[in-house]
Amino acid sequence: MKKPKPINPDELDGKLCRIGKTWYPIHELKLTDNMSVFIIMYHGIPHEIDIPPNVDKNGGNEHD
């Protein structure tokens, strides 16, 4: 089974990401202590999402 290609979310909000008009919860899969992949269930299929490097993975963007 081939792996679905990563999805680039339109918007990230801490533990949620928006694709189109729908928000999906993000599930973190820890591969090693300092490497994780982020998965969402998109139409019932797990997809890896591309998290832009400037996004704080612990919640929200860096612009207060």
N, C-alpha and C. Protein backbone atom coordinates (compact mmCIF):
# COMPACT_ATOMS: atom_id res chain seq x y z
N MET A 1 0.85 -1.19 0.00
CA MET A 1 0.00 0.00 0.00
C MET A 1 0.88 1.24 0.00
N LYS A 2 0.68 2.11 -0.98
CA LYS A 2 1.55 3.27 -1.02
C LYS A 2 1.07 4.33 -0.03
N LYS A 3 2.05 5.03 0.49
CA LYS A 3 1.79 6.03 1.51
C LYS A 3 1.19 7.27 0.85
N PRO A 4 0.09 7.81 1.42
CA PRO A 4 -0.46 9.05 0.83
C PRO A 4 0.56 10.17 0.92
N LYS A 5 0.54 11.05 -0.07
CA LYS A 5 1.52 12.13 -0.02
C LYS A 5 1.14 13.13 1.08
N PRO A 6 2.15 13.78 1.68
CA PRO A 6 1.84 14.71 2.76
C PRO A 6 0.92 15.84 2.30
N ILE A 7 0.07 16.26 3.21
CA ILE A 7 -0.86 17.35 2.96
C ILE A 7 -0.27 18.62 3.57
N ASN A 8 -0.36 19.69 2.84
CA ASN A 8 0.07 20.97 3.38
C ASN A 8 -1.19 21.70 3.86
N PRO A 9 -1.38 21.81 5.19
CA PRO A 9 -2.62 22.43 5.67
C PRO A 9 -2.68 23.92 5.34
N ASP A 10 -3.90 24.40 5.17
CA ASP A 10 -4.10 25.83 4.91
C ASP A 10 -3.75 26.65 6.14
N GLU A 11 -4.05 26.10 7.31
CA GLU A 11 -3.88 26.86 8.55
C GLU A 11 -3.68 25.86 9.68
N LEU A 12 -2.84 26.23 10.64
CA LEU A 12 -2.60 25.37 11.80
C LEU A 12 -2.96 26.13 13.05
N ASP A 13 -3.59 25.44 13.98
CA ASP A 13 -3.97 26.06 15.24
C ASP A 13 -3.63 25.08 16.36
N GLY A 14 -2.39 25.04 16.75
CA GLY A 14 -1.99 24.14 17.83
C GLY A 14 -2.21 22.70 17.45
N LYS A 15 -3.29 22.11 17.95
CA LYS A 15 -3.55 20.69 17.72
C LYS A 15 -4.54 20.44 16.60
N LEU A 16 -4.90 21.50 15.86
CA LEU A 16 -5.83 21.34 14.75
C LEU A 16 -5.22 21.91 13.48
N CYS A 17 -5.60 21.38 12.34
CA CYS A 17 -5.20 22.00 11.08
C CYS A 17 -6.41 22.10 10.18
N ARG A 18 -6.41 23.15 9.36
CA ARG A 18 -7.55 23.39 8.48
C ARG A 18 -7.15 23.06 7.05
N ILE A 19 -7.99 22.26 6.41
CA ILE A 19 -7.82 21.97 4.99
C ILE A 19 -9.15 22.31 4.35
N GLY A 20 -9.13 23.26 3.44
CA GLY A 20 -10.39 23.74 2.89
C GLY A 20 -11.17 24.44 3.99
N LYS A 21 -12.41 23.97 4.24
CA LYS A 21 -13.23 24.59 5.28
C LYS A 21 -13.32 23.73 6.53
N THR A 22 -12.60 22.62 6.57
CA THR A 22 -12.74 21.66 7.67
C THR A 22 -11.50 21.65 8.54
N TRP A 23 -11.72 21.59 9.86
CA TRP A 23 -10.61 21.47 10.81
C TRP A 23 -10.44 20.01 11.18
N TYR A 24 -9.20 19.55 11.22
CA TYR A 24 -8.91 18.16 11.57
C TYR A 24 -7.96 18.13 12.76
N PRO A 25 -8.20 17.21 13.71
CA PRO A 25 -7.24 17.07 14.81
C PRO A 25 -5.92 16.47 14.31
N ILE A 26 -4.82 16.95 14.86
CA ILE A 26 -3.50 16.47 14.49
C ILE A 26 -3.06 15.42 15.52
N HIS A 27 -2.57 14.30 15.02
CA HIS A 27 -2.04 13.25 15.89
C HIS A 27 -0.54 13.21 15.67
N GLU A 28 0.21 13.28 16.76
CA GLU A 28 1.67 13.23 16.65
C GLU A 28 2.13 11.80 16.83
N LEU A 29 2.94 11.32 15.90
CA LEU A 29 3.55 10.00 16.02
C LEU A 29 5.04 10.20 16.28
N LYS A 30 5.48 9.80 17.46
CA LYS A 30 6.90 9.96 17.78
C LYS A 30 7.68 8.80 17.17
N LEU A 31 8.63 9.14 16.30
CA LEU A 31 9.48 8.12 15.71
C LEU A 31 10.68 7.89 16.61
N THR A 32 11.30 8.98 17.03
CA THR A 32 12.41 8.91 17.98
C THR A 32 12.18 10.05 18.95
N ASP A 33 13.10 10.22 19.90
CA ASP A 33 12.93 11.29 20.89
C ASP A 33 12.83 12.67 20.26
N ASN A 34 13.56 12.89 19.16
CA ASN A 34 13.54 14.24 18.61
C ASN A 34 13.01 14.28 17.18
N MET A 35 12.26 13.25 16.79
CA MET A 35 11.67 13.27 15.46
C MET A 35 10.25 12.74 15.52
N SER A 36 9.33 13.51 14.98
CA SER A 36 7.93 13.12 14.97
C SER A 36 7.35 13.33 13.59
N VAL A 37 6.31 12.58 13.28
CA VAL A 37 5.51 12.90 12.10
C VAL A 37 4.12 13.26 12.60
N PHE A 38 3.43 14.07 11.83
CA PHE A 38 2.11 14.54 12.23
C PHE A 38 1.10 14.02 11.23
N ILE A 39 0.07 13.38 11.76
CA ILE A 39 -0.90 12.67 10.94
C ILE A 39 -2.29 13.26 11.19
N ILE A 40 -3.08 13.37 10.15
CA ILE A 40 -4.51 13.64 10.33
C ILE A 40 -5.29 12.54 9.64
N MET A 41 -6.50 12.30 10.12
CA MET A 41 -7.40 11.37 9.45
C MET A 41 -8.22 12.18 8.45
N TYR A 42 -7.90 12.01 7.17
CA TYR A 42 -8.54 12.78 6.10
C TYR A 42 -9.37 11.80 5.29
N HIS A 43 -10.69 11.94 5.35
CA HIS A 43 -11.62 11.00 4.72
C HIS A 43 -11.35 9.57 5.17
N GLY A 44 -11.06 9.41 6.47
CA GLY A 44 -10.86 8.08 7.02
C GLY A 44 -9.50 7.46 6.73
N ILE A 45 -8.62 8.19 6.05
CA ILE A 45 -7.29 7.66 5.71
C ILE A 45 -6.25 8.52 6.42
N PRO A 46 -5.30 7.90 7.11
CA PRO A 46 -4.28 8.73 7.75
C PRO A 46 -3.35 9.36 6.72
N HIS A 47 -3.18 10.66 6.81
CA HIS A 47 -2.27 11.40 5.93
C HIS A 47 -1.26 12.12 6.78
N GLU A 48 -0.02 12.09 6.32
CA GLU A 48 1.00 12.90 6.98
C GLU A 48 0.79 14.35 6.56
N ILE A 49 0.98 15.28 7.51
CA ILE A 49 0.87 16.69 7.13
C ILE A 49 2.23 17.35 7.22
N ASP A 50 2.44 18.30 6.32
CA ASP A 50 3.66 19.10 6.33
C ASP A 50 3.44 20.26 7.28
N ILE A 51 4.25 20.33 8.32
CA ILE A 51 4.15 21.45 9.25
C ILE A 51 5.24 22.44 8.90
N PRO A 52 4.87 23.66 8.56
CA PRO A 52 5.89 24.66 8.23
C PRO A 52 6.85 24.86 9.41
N PRO A 53 8.12 25.07 9.14
CA PRO A 53 9.11 25.15 10.22
C PRO A 53 8.90 26.30 11.19
N ASN A 54 8.15 27.34 10.78
CA ASN A 54 7.95 28.48 11.68
C ASN A 54 6.78 28.28 12.64
N VAL A 55 6.13 27.13 12.60
CA VAL A 55 4.98 26.89 13.47
C VAL A 55 5.45 26.21 14.74
N ASP A 56 5.02 26.77 15.86
CA ASP A 56 5.32 26.14 17.14
C ASP A 56 4.38 24.95 17.31
N LYS A 57 4.94 23.75 17.37
CA LYS A 57 4.12 22.55 17.42
C LYS A 57 3.38 22.40 18.74
N ASN A 58 3.71 23.24 19.74
CA ASN A 58 3.02 23.13 21.03
C ASN A 58 1.81 24.05 21.12
N GLY A 59 1.53 24.76 20.06
CA GLY A 59 0.32 25.57 20.08
C GLY A 59 0.48 26.89 19.38
N GLY A 60 -0.26 27.04 18.28
CA GLY A 60 -0.37 28.33 17.63
C GLY A 60 0.87 28.80 16.90
N ASN A 61 0.75 29.92 16.28
CA ASN A 61 1.86 30.53 15.56
C ASN A 61 2.64 31.44 16.50
N GLU A 62 3.77 31.95 15.98
CA GLU A 62 4.69 32.70 16.83
C GLU A 62 4.38 34.20 16.90
N HIS A 63 3.22 34.64 16.44
CA HIS A 63 2.96 36.08 16.37
C HIS A 63 1.95 36.51 17.43
N ASP A 64 2.45 36.96 18.59
CA ASP A 64 1.53 37.43 19.64
C ASP A 64 1.28 38.92 19.45
